[in-house]
């Protein structure tokens, strides 16, 4: 609808300008004829006096028409400009809503991950392996249990259990990721999870390539494993879950309802708090591009670039107990070819 309003505004403005130009041409010709008539009347002397009166009347009418034409021109320009601004505002609001929807949809997904990690940290197999570090049978049972979870939850690359020193003692996909015995104590998500004050809290690391996951990109969610699975039990290890970003994120940014023509000239992105591109509907610049976003209102906004492209954005509102990581949804749409700024 906003696109159609813009088209109508442009058409009205163009047609009004064309007709006003024609009227101006007619009034210029009329003034010229009136001037010529006055000259001829003056040459004719007394005989041409009556004709001169008519010529003066024609000249005055032409001048009045010219004034009316200028007023119409100003009115049409103002109306077309107001209509165009209104359409741009509506379009900007629509795209800002879509940008918010995209980042909120992702945050709803990641909220589930924050719930998963806190729940699975209380699983008996996870707790047992942290309490029985010397018995390989518990490590095997925990890995098998994590594998069963992964079979049902296809949004994860892997699930790891590490002891208090950061040594990985179980993982759900040992054939794909040989991380058993690796030390992750230098990882921010592990250190933050060890500091979780109770079982209701969790740690999260932003999207990054992980060398232990074959350099796959993933946001990581982690929490402390506690003795007996109790909410306030002593910390005996850490559970980390690795979201399959490269498979899941593109589905979010490519899911917005654009028609085929719009989709060709529209880029949907998720960017982090530092404007790093986390996901893009055109698959370009992921984790390598920093988008130059102009933020007037931190929560949401829209603006036009010099080439007529619309940029709209919205800050994550978070979801339930998940506050988000300061990400934004961003949409950039270039103008149609006939509307592009030269």
C-alpha atoms as a PDB file:
ATOM      1  CA  UNK A   1       0.000   0.000   0.000  1.00  0.00           C
ATOM      2  CA  UNK A   2       2.714   2.617   0.821  1.00  0.00           C
ATOM      3  CA  UNK A   3       4.421   1.750  -2.477  1.00  0.00           C
ATOM      4  CA  UNK A   4       1.129   2.325  -4.318  1.00  0.00           C
ATOM      5  CA  UNK A   5       0.609   5.650  -2.544  1.00  0.00           C
ATOM      6  CA  UNK A   6       4.090   6.736  -3.620  1.00  0.00           C
ATOM      7  CA  UNK A   7       3.338   5.752  -7.204  1.00  0.00           C
ATOM      8  CA  UNK A   8       0.067   7.711  -7.152  1.00  0.00           C
ATOM      9  CA  UNK A   9       1.765  10.751  -5.599  1.00  0.00           C
ATOM     10  CA  UNK A  10       4.478  10.665  -8.259  1.00  0.00           C
ATOM     11  CA  UNK A  11       1.886  10.257 -11.034  1.00  0.00           C
ATOM     12  CA  UNK A  12      -0.247  13.122  -9.707  1.00  0.00           C
ATOM     13  CA  UNK A  13       2.773  15.376  -9.394  1.00  0.00           C
ATOM     14  CA  UNK A  14       3.960  14.520 -12.909  1.00  0.00           C
ATOM     15  CA  UNK A  15       0.558  15.001 -14.547  1.00  0.00           C
ATOM     16  CA  UNK A  16      -0.091  18.227 -12.658  1.00  0.00           C
ATOM     17  CA  UNK A  17       3.268  19.609 -13.755  1.00  0.00           C
ATOM     18  CA  UNK A  18       2.556  18.638 -17.372  1.00  0.00           C
ATOM     19  CA  UNK A  19      -0.859  20.315 -17.413  1.00  0.00           C
ATOM     20  CA  UNK A  20       0.378  23.421 -15.610  1.00  0.00           C
ATOM     21  CA  UNK A  21       3.207  23.696 -18.136  1.00  0.00           C
ATOM     22  CA  UNK A  22       0.622  23.550 -20.936  1.00  0.00           C
ATOM     23  CA  UNK A  23      -1.506  26.253 -19.261  1.00  0.00           C
ATOM     24  CA  UNK A  24       1.555  28.476 -18.857  1.00  0.00           C
ATOM     25  CA  UNK A  25       2.374  28.019 -22.519  1.00  0.00           C
ATOM     26  CA  UNK A  26      -1.173  29.051 -23.463  1.00  0.00           C
ATOM     27  CA  UNK A  27      -1.101  32.143 -21.209  1.00  0.00           C
ATOM     28  CA  UNK A  28       2.278  33.176 -22.614  1.00  0.00           C
ATOM     29  CA  UNK A  29       0.884  32.880 -26.146  1.00  0.00           C
ATOM     30  CA  UNK A  30      -2.238  34.812 -25.099  1.00  0.00           C
ATOM     31  CA  UNK A  31      -0.156  37.626 -23.580  1.00  0.00           C
ATOM     32  CA  UNK A  32       1.918  37.795 -26.754  1.00  0.00           C
ATOM     33  CA  UNK A  33      -1.222  38.025 -28.907  1.00  0.00           C
ATOM     34  CA  UNK A  34      -2.659  40.721 -26.608  1.00  0.00           C
ATOM     35  CA  UNK A  35       0.569  42.693 -26.822  1.00  0.00           C
ATOM     36  CA  UNK A  36       0.599  42.451 -30.621  1.00  0.00           C
ATOM     37  CA  UNK A  37      -3.060  43.503 -30.678  1.00  0.00           C
ATOM     38  CA  UNK A  38      -2.291  46.571 -28.543  1.00  0.00           C
ATOM     39  CA  UNK A  39       0.527  47.531 -30.880  1.00  0.00           C
ATOM     40  CA  UNK A  40      -1.742  47.232 -33.925  1.00  0.00           C
ATOM     41  CA  UNK A  41      -4.505  49.145 -32.152  1.00  0.00           C
ATOM     42  CA  UNK A  42      -2.094  51.949 -31.374  1.00  0.00           C
ATOM     43  CA  UNK A  43      -1.071  52.113 -35.045  1.00  0.00           C
ATOM     44  CA  UNK A  44      -4.694  52.262 -36.126  1.00  0.00           C
ATOM     45  CA  UNK A  45      -5.294  55.309 -33.922  1.00  0.00           C
ATOM     46  CA  UNK A  46      -8.930  56.269 -33.232  1.00  0.00           C
ATOM     47  CA  UNK A  47     -10.234  53.448 -35.391  1.00  0.00           C
ATOM     48  CA  UNK A  48      -8.403  50.818 -33.315  1.00  0.00           C
ATOM     49  CA  UNK A  49      -9.363  52.177 -29.896  1.00  0.00           C
ATOM     50  CA  UNK A  50     -12.166  49.633 -29.322  1.00  0.00           C
ATOM     51  CA  UNK A  51      -9.904  46.814 -30.375  1.00  0.00           C
ATOM     52  CA  UNK A  52      -7.313  48.078 -27.879  1.00  0.00           C
ATOM     53  CA  UNK A  53      -9.870  47.874 -25.062  1.00  0.00           C
ATOM     54  CA  UNK A  54     -10.503  44.213 -25.934  1.00  0.00           C
ATOM     55  CA  UNK A  55      -6.762  43.528 -26.110  1.00  0.00           C
ATOM     56  CA  UNK A  56      -6.303  45.018 -22.619  1.00  0.00           C
ATOM     57  CA  UNK A  57      -9.087  42.794 -21.290  1.00  0.00           C
ATOM     58  CA  UNK A  58      -7.442  39.739 -22.843  1.00  0.00           C
ATOM     59  CA  UNK A  59      -4.130  40.746 -21.276  1.00  0.00           C
ATOM     60  CA  UNK A  60      -5.708  41.106 -17.819  1.00  0.00           C
ATOM     61  CA  UNK A  61      -7.452  37.737 -18.138  1.00  0.00           C
ATOM     62  CA  UNK A  62      -4.154  36.168 -19.139  1.00  0.00           C
ATOM     63  CA  UNK A  63      -2.472  37.657 -16.067  1.00  0.00           C
ATOM     64  CA  UNK A  64      -5.252  36.349 -13.807  1.00  0.00           C
ATOM     65  CA  UNK A  65      -4.964  32.895 -15.353  1.00  0.00           C
ATOM     66  CA  UNK A  66      -1.219  33.029 -14.755  1.00  0.00           C
ATOM     67  CA  UNK A  67      -1.760  33.837 -11.063  1.00  0.00           C
ATOM     68  CA  UNK A  68      -4.288  31.011 -10.722  1.00  0.00           C
ATOM     69  CA  UNK A  69      -1.876  28.655 -12.467  1.00  0.00           C
ATOM     70  CA  UNK A  70       0.933  29.518 -10.063  1.00  0.00           C
ATOM     71  CA  UNK A  71      -1.389  28.991  -7.109  1.00  0.00           C
ATOM     72  CA  UNK A  72      -2.430  25.608  -8.525  1.00  0.00           C
ATOM     73  CA  UNK A  73       1.206  24.688  -9.061  1.00  0.00           C
ATOM     74  CA  UNK A  74       2.064  25.516  -5.443  1.00  0.00           C
ATOM     75  CA  UNK A  75      -0.992  23.632  -4.213  1.00  0.00           C
ATOM     76  CA  UNK A  76      -0.239  20.495  -6.243  1.00  0.00           C
ATOM     77  CA  UNK A  77       3.420  20.532  -5.230  1.00  0.00           C
ATOM     78  CA  UNK A  78       2.464  20.842  -1.556  1.00  0.00           C
ATOM     79  CA  UNK A  79      -0.197  18.130  -1.751  1.00  0.00           C
ATOM     80  CA  UNK A  80       2.071  15.756  -3.661  1.00  0.00           C
ATOM     81  CA  UNK A  81       4.908  16.414  -1.208  1.00  0.00           C
ATOM     82  CA  UNK A  82       2.634  15.817   1.794  1.00  0.00           C
ATOM     83  CA  UNK A  83       1.269  12.641   0.221  1.00  0.00           C
ATOM     84  CA  UNK A  84       4.767  11.393  -0.521  1.00  0.00           C
ATOM     85  CA  UNK A  85       5.954  12.152   3.034  1.00  0.00           C
ATOM     86  CA  UNK A  86       2.919  10.369   4.470  1.00  0.00           C
ATOM     87  CA  UNK A  87       3.575   7.346   2.269  1.00  0.00           C
ATOM     88  CA  UNK A  88       7.242   7.298   3.253  1.00  0.00           C
ATOM     89  CA  UNK A  89       6.297   7.455   6.928  1.00  0.00           C
ATOM     90  CA  UNK A  90       3.798   4.606   6.576  1.00  0.00           C
ATOM     91  CA  UNK A  91       6.308   2.577   4.575  1.00  0.00           C
ATOM     92  CA  UNK A  92       9.056   3.282   7.111  1.00  0.00           C
ATOM     93  CA  UNK A  93       6.788   2.209   9.973  1.00  0.00           C
ATOM     94  CA  UNK A  94       5.838  -0.967   8.137  1.00  0.00           C
ATOM     95  CA  UNK A  95       9.456  -1.897   7.521  1.00  0.00           C
ATOM     96  CA  UNK A  96      10.491  -1.022  11.079  1.00  0.00           C
ATOM     97  CA  UNK A  97       7.721  -3.374  12.263  1.00  0.00           C
ATOM     98  CA  UNK A  98       9.066  -6.099   9.970  1.00  0.00           C
ATOM     99  CA  UNK A  99      12.605  -5.477  11.263  1.00  0.00           C
ATOM    100  CA  UNK A 100      11.372  -5.834  14.819  1.00  0.00           C
ATOM    101  CA  UNK A 101       9.481  -8.983  13.894  1.00  0.00           C
ATOM    102  CA  UNK A 102      12.621 -10.599  12.480  1.00  0.00           C
ATOM    103  CA  UNK A 103      14.801  -9.904  15.526  1.00  0.00           C
ATOM    104  CA  UNK A 104      11.965 -10.770  17.927  1.00  0.00           C
ATOM    105  CA  UNK A 105      11.400 -14.059  16.104  1.00  0.00           C
ATOM    106  CA  UNK A 106      15.062 -14.917  16.596  1.00  0.00           C
ATOM    107  CA  UNK A 107      14.958 -13.911  20.251  1.00  0.00           C
ATOM    108  CA  UNK A 108      11.914 -16.112  20.837  1.00  0.00           C
ATOM    109  CA  UNK A 109      13.962 -18.951  19.387  1.00  0.00           C
ATOM    110  CA  UNK A 110      16.971 -18.140  21.568  1.00  0.00           C
ATOM    111  CA  UNK A 111      14.769 -17.774  24.651  1.00  0.00           C
ATOM    112  CA  UNK A 112      14.033 -21.483  24.244  1.00  0.00           C
ATOM    113  CA  UNK A 113      17.775 -22.165  24.206  1.00  0.00           C
ATOM    114  CA  UNK A 114      18.211 -20.345  27.513  1.00  0.00           C
ATOM    115  CA  UNK A 115      15.453 -22.544  28.950  1.00  0.00           C
ATOM    116  CA  UNK A 116      16.933 -25.724  27.475  1.00  0.00           C
ATOM    117  CA  UNK A 117      20.372 -25.259  29.009  1.00  0.00           C
ATOM    118  CA  UNK A 118      18.978 -24.610  32.488  1.00  0.00           C
ATOM    119  CA  UNK A 119      16.700 -27.635  32.274  1.00  0.00           C
ATOM    120  CA  UNK A 120      19.265 -30.056  30.880  1.00  0.00           C
ATOM    121  CA  UNK A 121      21.839 -29.024  33.497  1.00  0.00           C
ATOM    122  CA  UNK A 122      19.614 -30.794  36.039  1.00  0.00           C
ATOM    123  CA  UNK A 123      19.417 -34.018  34.004  1.00  0.00           C
ATOM    124  CA  UNK A 124      20.576 -36.973  36.084  1.00  0.00           C
ATOM    125  CA  UNK A 125      23.145 -38.116  33.517  1.00  0.00           C
ATOM    126  CA  UNK A 126      24.687 -34.627  33.328  1.00  0.00           C
ATOM    127  CA  UNK A 127      24.847 -34.282  37.100  1.00  0.00           C
ATOM    128  CA  UNK A 128      26.195 -37.816  37.564  1.00  0.00           C
ATOM    129  CA  UNK A 129      29.119 -37.390  35.165  1.00  0.00           C
ATOM    130  CA  UNK A 130      30.235 -34.253  37.043  1.00  0.00           C
ATOM    131  CA  UNK A 131      29.989 -36.098  40.377  1.00  0.00           C
ATOM    132  CA  UNK A 132      31.832 -39.204  39.136  1.00  0.00           C
ATOM    133  CA  UNK A 133      34.749 -37.858  37.135  1.00  0.00           C
ATOM    134  CA  UNK A 134      36.888 -40.991  37.542  1.00  0.00           C
ATOM    135  CA  UNK A 135      34.338 -43.458  36.159  1.00  0.00           C
ATOM    136  CA  UNK A 136      34.258 -43.622  32.322  1.00  0.00           C
ATOM    137  CA  UNK A 137      30.879 -45.334  32.431  1.00  0.00           C
ATOM    138  CA  UNK A 138      29.247 -42.100  33.575  1.00  0.00           C
ATOM    139  CA  UNK A 139      30.915 -40.160  30.744  1.00  0.00           C
ATOM    140  CA  UNK A 140      29.603 -42.682  28.216  1.00  0.00           C
ATOM    141  CA  UNK A 141      26.106 -42.556  29.690  1.00  0.00           C
ATOM    142  CA  UNK A 142      26.110 -38.733  29.677  1.00  0.00           C
ATOM    143  CA  UNK A 143      27.271 -38.583  26.055  1.00  0.00           C
ATOM    144  CA  UNK A 144      24.564 -41.050  25.049  1.00  0.00           C
ATOM    145  CA  UNK A 145      21.972 -39.001  26.903  1.00  0.00           C
ATOM    146  CA  UNK A 146      23.130 -35.801  25.184  1.00  0.00           C
ATOM    147  CA  UNK A 147      22.936 -37.633  21.854  1.00  0.00           C
ATOM    148  CA  UNK A 148      19.324 -38.585  22.521  1.00  0.00           C
ATOM    149  CA  UNK A 149      18.524 -34.928  23.253  1.00  0.00           C
ATOM    150  CA  UNK A 150      20.209 -33.829  20.013  1.00  0.00           C
ATOM    151  CA  UNK A 151      18.132 -36.305  18.032  1.00  0.00           C
ATOM    152  CA  UNK A 152      14.995 -34.485  19.207  1.00  0.00           C
ATOM    153  CA  UNK A 153      16.339 -30.928  19.202  1.00  0.00           C
ATOM    154  CA  UNK A 154      17.721 -30.380  15.715  1.00  0.00           C
ATOM    155  CA  UNK A 155      18.656 -26.741  16.276  1.00  0.00           C
ATOM    156  CA  UNK A 156      21.939 -27.596  18.019  1.00  0.00           C
ATOM    157  CA  UNK A 157      25.396 -28.441  16.739  1.00  0.00           C
ATOM    158  CA  UNK A 158      26.437 -30.135  19.974  1.00  0.00           C
ATOM    159  CA  UNK A 159      26.039 -30.197  23.766  1.00  0.00           C
ATOM    160  CA  UNK A 160      29.074 -30.356  26.048  1.00  0.00           C
ATOM    161  CA  UNK A 161      29.608 -31.049  29.732  1.00  0.00           C
ATOM    162  CA  UNK A 162      32.818 -29.730  31.282  1.00  0.00           C
ATOM    163  CA  UNK A 163      34.162 -30.242  34.795  1.00  0.00           C
ATOM    164  CA  UNK A 164      35.025 -27.380  37.128  1.00  0.00           C
ATOM    165  CA  UNK A 165      38.459 -27.064  35.521  1.00  0.00           C
ATOM    166  CA  UNK A 166      37.044 -26.689  32.039  1.00  0.00           C
ATOM    167  CA  UNK A 167      37.843 -30.181  30.746  1.00  0.00           C
ATOM    168  CA  UNK A 168      35.129 -31.516  28.412  1.00  0.00           C
ATOM    169  CA  UNK A 169      33.944 -34.814  29.898  1.00  0.00           C
ATOM    170  CA  UNK A 170      30.921 -35.568  27.686  1.00  0.00           C
ATOM    171  CA  UNK A 171      29.413 -34.433  24.390  1.00  0.00           C
ATOM    172  CA  UNK A 172      26.453 -35.523  22.303  1.00  0.00           C
ATOM    173  CA  UNK A 173      28.155 -35.886  18.921  1.00  0.00           C
ATOM    174  CA  UNK A 174      31.593 -37.370  19.612  1.00  0.00           C
ATOM    175  CA  UNK A 175      31.883 -38.673  16.040  1.00  0.00           C
ATOM    176  CA  UNK A 176      31.408 -35.195  14.578  1.00  0.00           C
ATOM    177  CA  UNK A 177      33.245 -33.142  17.202  1.00  0.00           C
ATOM    178  CA  UNK A 178      36.211 -34.726  18.964  1.00  0.00           C
ATOM    179  CA  UNK A 179      36.211 -32.453  21.990  1.00  0.00           C
ATOM    180  CA  UNK A 180      36.488 -34.980  24.819  1.00  0.00           C
ATOM    181  CA  UNK A 181      39.416 -33.954  27.011  1.00  0.00           C
ATOM    182  CA  UNK A 182      39.679 -30.486  25.435  1.00  0.00           C
ATOM    183  CA  UNK A 183      39.952 -27.613  27.881  1.00  0.00           C
ATOM    184  CA  UNK A 184      37.531 -24.674  27.514  1.00  0.00           C
ATOM    185  CA  UNK A 185      38.359 -22.836  30.728  1.00  0.00           C
ATOM    186  CA  UNK A 186      39.537 -19.821  28.697  1.00  0.00           C
ATOM    187  CA  UNK A 187      36.118 -19.437  27.031  1.00  0.00           C
ATOM    188  CA  UNK A 188      33.954 -16.573  28.221  1.00  0.00           C
ATOM    189  CA  UNK A 189      30.781 -18.663  28.293  1.00  0.00           C
ATOM    190  CA  UNK A 190      32.468 -21.223  30.599  1.00  0.00           C
ATOM    191  CA  UNK A 191      33.827 -18.577  32.963  1.00  0.00           C
ATOM    192  CA  UNK A 192      30.491 -16.769  33.124  1.00  0.00           C
ATOM    193  CA  UNK A 193      28.592 -20.019  33.701  1.00  0.00           C
ATOM    194  CA  UNK A 194      30.862 -20.870  36.634  1.00  0.00           C
ATOM    195  CA  UNK A 195      29.790 -17.560  38.195  1.00  0.00           C
ATOM    196  CA  UNK A 196      26.039 -18.180  37.848  1.00  0.00           C
ATOM    197  CA  UNK A 197      24.616 -17.596  41.300  1.00  0.00           C
ATOM    198  CA  UNK A 198      21.934 -20.290  41.081  1.00  0.00           C
ATOM    199  CA  UNK A 199      20.230 -22.703  38.710  1.00  0.00           C
ATOM    200  CA  UNK A 200      17.916 -20.022  37.370  1.00  0.00           C
ATOM    201  CA  UNK A 201      20.729 -18.113  35.714  1.00  0.00           C
ATOM    202  CA  UNK A 202      22.703 -18.744  32.570  1.00  0.00           C
ATOM    203  CA  UNK A 203      25.539 -17.354  30.462  1.00  0.00           C
ATOM    204  CA  UNK A 204      25.439 -16.468  26.772  1.00  0.00           C
ATOM    205  CA  UNK A 205      28.166 -15.731  24.244  1.00  0.00           C
ATOM    206  CA  UNK A 206      27.440 -13.820  21.034  1.00  0.00           C
ATOM    207  CA  UNK A 207      27.644 -15.473  17.621  1.00  0.00           C
ATOM    208  CA  UNK A 208      31.201 -16.503  16.775  1.00  0.00           C
ATOM    209  CA  UNK A 209      33.041 -19.163  14.807  1.00  0.00           C
ATOM    210  CA  UNK A 210      34.164 -21.994  17.084  1.00  0.00           C
ATOM    211  CA  UNK A 211      37.321 -23.865  16.113  1.00  0.00           C
ATOM    212  CA  UNK A 212      36.222 -26.905  18.159  1.00  0.00           C
ATOM    213  CA  UNK A 213      33.032 -27.079  16.083  1.00  0.00           C
ATOM    214  CA  UNK A 214      34.887 -27.131  12.758  1.00  0.00           C
ATOM    215  CA  UNK A 215      34.717 -23.318  12.697  1.00  0.00           C
ATOM    216  CA  UNK A 216      30.933 -23.325  12.557  1.00  0.00           C
ATOM    217  CA  UNK A 217      29.271 -20.137  13.810  1.00  0.00           C
ATOM    218  CA  UNK A 218      27.214 -20.407  16.960  1.00  0.00           C
ATOM    219  CA  UNK A 219      25.871 -18.424  19.896  1.00  0.00           C
ATOM    220  CA  UNK A 220      26.629 -20.405  23.050  1.00  0.00           C
ATOM    221  CA  UNK A 221      24.351 -20.832  26.064  1.00  0.00           C
ATOM    222  CA  UNK A 222      25.741 -22.257  29.281  1.00  0.00           C
ATOM    223  CA  UNK A 223      24.963 -22.678  32.947  1.00  0.00           C
ATOM    224  CA  UNK A 224      26.496 -24.295  35.989  1.00  0.00           C
ATOM    225  CA  UNK A 225      25.821 -27.953  36.768  1.00  0.00           C
ATOM    226  CA  UNK A 226      25.064 -28.224  40.492  1.00  0.00           C
ATOM    227  CA  UNK A 227      25.418 -31.032  42.951  1.00  0.00           C
ATOM    228  CA  UNK A 228      22.304 -33.150  43.102  1.00  0.00           C
ATOM    229  CA  UNK A 229      20.735 -30.972  40.383  1.00  0.00           C
ATOM    230  CA  UNK A 230      19.611 -28.581  43.121  1.00  0.00           C
ATOM    231  CA  UNK A 231      18.947 -24.940  42.247  1.00  0.00           C
ATOM    232  CA  UNK A 232      21.348 -23.798  44.992  1.00  0.00           C
ATOM    233  CA  UNK A 233      23.732 -26.776  44.975  1.00  0.00           C
ATOM    234  CA  UNK A 234      27.511 -26.468  44.761  1.00  0.00           C
ATOM    235  CA  UNK A 235      28.876 -25.883  41.255  1.00  0.00           C
ATOM    236  CA  UNK A 236      30.424 -29.116  39.966  1.00  0.00           C
ATOM    237  CA  UNK A 237      30.652 -28.403  36.251  1.00  0.00           C
ATOM    238  CA  UNK A 238      29.218 -26.540  33.265  1.00  0.00           C
ATOM    239  CA  UNK A 239      26.801 -27.470  30.489  1.00  0.00           C
ATOM    240  CA  UNK A 240      27.255 -25.622  27.189  1.00  0.00           C
ATOM    241  CA  UNK A 241      24.811 -25.807  24.257  1.00  0.00           C
ATOM    242  CA  UNK A 242      25.744 -24.639  20.760  1.00  0.00           C
ATOM    243  CA  UNK A 243      22.970 -23.297  18.559  1.00  0.00           C
ATOM    244  CA  UNK A 244      23.223 -24.159  14.854  1.00  0.00           C
ATOM    245  CA  UNK A 245      23.320 -20.558  13.677  1.00  0.00           C
ATOM    246  CA  UNK A 246      24.284 -21.188  10.079  1.00  0.00           C
ATOM    247  CA  UNK A 247      21.236 -23.378   9.496  1.00  0.00           C
ATOM    248  CA  UNK A 248      18.673 -21.559  11.619  1.00  0.00           C
ATOM    249  CA  UNK A 249      19.413 -17.836  11.175  1.00  0.00           C
ATOM    250  CA  UNK A 250      18.944 -17.722   7.361  1.00  0.00           C
ATOM    251  CA  UNK A 251      15.419 -19.092   7.769  1.00  0.00           C
ATOM    252  CA  UNK A 252      14.550 -16.070   9.931  1.00  0.00           C
ATOM    253  CA  UNK A 253      15.879 -13.345   7.613  1.00  0.00           C
ATOM    254  CA  UNK A 254      14.462 -15.045   4.515  1.00  0.00           C
ATOM    255  CA  UNK A 255      11.002 -15.625   5.965  1.00  0.00           C
ATOM    256  CA  UNK A 256       9.483 -12.139   5.610  1.00  0.00           C
ATOM    257  CA  UNK A 257       6.520 -11.905   3.259  1.00  0.00           C
ATOM    258  CA  UNK A 258       7.804  -9.964   0.257  1.00  0.00           C
ATOM    259  CA  UNK A 259       6.635 -10.595  -3.282  1.00  0.00           C
ATOM    260  CA  UNK A 260       9.186 -11.741  -5.862  1.00  0.00           C
ATOM    261  CA  UNK A 261       9.820  -8.230  -7.186  1.00  0.00           C
ATOM    262  CA  UNK A 262      10.341  -6.764  -3.708  1.00  0.00           C
ATOM    263  CA  UNK A 263      12.528  -9.656  -2.603  1.00  0.00           C
ATOM    264  CA  UNK A 264      14.991  -8.937  -5.414  1.00  0.00           C
ATOM    265  CA  UNK A 265      15.700  -5.456  -4.043  1.00  0.00           C
ATOM    266  CA  UNK A 266      15.322  -6.095  -0.314  1.00  0.00           C
ATOM    267  CA  UNK A 267      18.009  -7.119   2.157  1.00  0.00           C
ATOM    268  CA  UNK A 268      17.002  -8.313   5.632  1.00  0.00           C
ATOM    269  CA  UNK A 269      19.692  -8.503   8.311  1.00  0.00           C
ATOM    270  CA  UNK A 270      20.294  -9.215  11.955  1.00  0.00           C
ATOM    271  CA  UNK A 271      23.123  -7.135  13.389  1.00  0.00           C
ATOM    272  CA  UNK A 272      24.724  -7.200  16.823  1.00  0.00           C
ATOM    273  CA  UNK A 273      25.242  -4.327  19.256  1.00  0.00           C
ATOM    274  CA  UNK A 274      28.355  -3.280  17.309  1.00  0.00           C
ATOM    275  CA  UNK A 275      26.514  -3.387  13.956  1.00  0.00           C
ATOM    276  CA  UNK A 276      28.274  -6.567  12.854  1.00  0.00           C
ATOM    277  CA  UNK A 277      26.130  -8.486  10.366  1.00  0.00           C
ATOM    278  CA  UNK A 278      25.066 -11.759  12.001  1.00  0.00           C
ATOM    279  CA  UNK A 279      22.699 -12.945   9.274  1.00  0.00           C
ATOM    280  CA  UNK A 280      21.606 -11.569   5.898  1.00  0.00           C
ATOM    281  CA  UNK A 281      18.951 -12.638   3.431  1.00  0.00           C
ATOM    282  CA  UNK A 282      21.464 -12.282   0.586  1.00  0.00           C
ATOM    283  CA  UNK A 283      24.043 -14.338   2.556  1.00  0.00           C
ATOM    284  CA  UNK A 284      26.648 -11.596   2.121  1.00  0.00           C
ATOM    285  CA  UNK A 285      28.884 -10.140   4.830  1.00  0.00           C
ATOM    286  CA  UNK A 286      27.883 -12.580   7.572  1.00  0.00           C
ATOM    287  CA  UNK A 287      30.240 -12.135  10.573  1.00  0.00           C
ATOM    288  CA  UNK A 288      32.548  -9.972   8.423  1.00  0.00           C
ATOM    289  CA  UNK A 289      30.581  -6.839   7.496  1.00  0.00           C
ATOM    290  CA  UNK A 290      29.873  -3.887   9.777  1.00  0.00           C
ATOM    291  CA  UNK A 291      26.682  -2.178   8.619  1.00  0.00           C
ATOM    292  CA  UNK A 292      26.674   1.623   8.686  1.00  0.00           C
ATOM    293  CA  UNK A 293      23.403   2.157  10.535  1.00  0.00           C
ATOM    294  CA  UNK A 294      22.222   5.659  11.393  1.00  0.00           C
ATOM    295  CA  UNK A 295      20.408   5.469  14.726  1.00  0.00           C
ATOM    296  CA  UNK A 296      18.227   8.448  15.618  1.00  0.00           C
ATOM    297  CA  UNK A 297      15.811   6.613  17.899  1.00  0.00           C
ATOM    298  CA  UNK A 298      17.556   3.684  19.643  1.00  0.00           C
ATOM    299  CA  UNK A 299      14.384   1.577  19.645  1.00  0.00           C
ATOM    300  CA  UNK A 300      13.313   1.852  16.004  1.00  0.00           C
ATOM    301  CA  UNK A 301      13.407   4.102  12.982  1.00  0.00           C
ATOM    302  CA  UNK A 302      13.574   4.488   9.216  1.00  0.00           C
ATOM    303  CA  UNK A 303      15.333   6.834   6.808  1.00  0.00           C
ATOM    304  CA  UNK A 304      16.195   7.270   3.136  1.00  0.00           C
ATOM    305  CA  UNK A 305      19.651   7.081   1.605  1.00  0.00           C
ATOM    306  CA  UNK A 306      20.768   9.442  -1.167  1.00  0.00           C
ATOM    307  CA  UNK A 307      19.940   6.849  -3.834  1.00  0.00           C
ATOM    308  CA  UNK A 308      16.376   6.568  -2.516  1.00  0.00           C
ATOM    309  CA  UNK A 309      16.905   3.290  -0.651  1.00  0.00           C
ATOM    310  CA  UNK A 310      14.872   2.858   2.521  1.00  0.00           C
ATOM    311  CA  UNK A 311      16.629   1.695   5.686  1.00  0.00           C
ATOM    312  CA  UNK A 312      14.474   0.550   8.598  1.00  0.00           C
ATOM    313  CA  UNK A 313      15.599  -0.933  11.911  1.00  0.00           C
ATOM    314  CA  UNK A 314      14.334  -2.068  15.292  1.00  0.00           C
ATOM    315  CA  UNK A 315      16.070  -3.026  18.522  1.00  0.00           C
ATOM    316  CA  UNK A 316      15.292  -6.387  20.073  1.00  0.00           C
ATOM    317  CA  UNK A 317      12.625  -6.098  22.779  1.00  0.00           C
ATOM    318  CA  UNK A 318      13.773  -9.403  24.282  1.00  0.00           C
ATOM    319  CA  UNK A 319      11.355 -12.179  25.064  1.00  0.00           C
ATOM    320  CA  UNK A 320      10.054 -13.348  28.419  1.00  0.00           C
ATOM    321  CA  UNK A 321      13.123 -13.706  30.696  1.00  0.00           C
ATOM    322  CA  UNK A 322      15.532 -13.423  27.751  1.00  0.00           C
ATOM    323  CA  UNK A 323      16.734  -9.830  27.509  1.00  0.00           C
ATOM    324  CA  UNK A 324      18.538 -10.284  24.222  1.00  0.00           C
ATOM    325  CA  UNK A 325      22.027  -9.138  23.314  1.00  0.00           C
ATOM    326  CA  UNK A 326      21.304  -5.695  21.911  1.00  0.00           C
ATOM    327  CA  UNK A 327      20.714  -7.035  18.409  1.00  0.00           C
ATOM    328  CA  UNK A 328      18.692  -5.198  15.775  1.00  0.00           C
ATOM    329  CA  UNK A 329      16.689  -6.267  12.786  1.00  0.00           C
ATOM    330  CA  UNK A 330      17.519  -4.160   9.720  1.00  0.00           C
ATOM    331  CA  UNK A 331      15.832  -3.973   6.317  1.00  0.00           C
ATOM    332  CA  UNK A 332      17.262  -2.173   3.297  1.00  0.00           C
ATOM    333  CA  UNK A 333      15.115  -1.836   0.184  1.00  0.00           C
ATOM    334  CA  UNK A 334      16.345  -0.159  -2.977  1.00  0.00           C
ATOM    335  CA  UNK A 335      13.804   1.798  -5.060  1.00  0.00           C
ATOM    336  CA  UNK A 336      12.186   0.404  -8.172  1.00  0.00           C
ATOM    337  CA  UNK A 337      14.199   1.132 -11.297  1.00  0.00           C
ATOM    338  CA  UNK A 338      11.741   3.778 -12.527  1.00  0.00           C
ATOM    339  CA  UNK A 339      11.873   5.541  -9.151  1.00  0.00           C
ATOM    340  CA  UNK A 340      15.651   5.394  -8.651  1.00  0.00           C
ATOM    341  CA  UNK A 341      17.456   8.674  -8.030  1.00  0.00           C
ATOM    342  CA  UNK A 342      19.732   9.487 -10.925  1.00  0.00           C
END
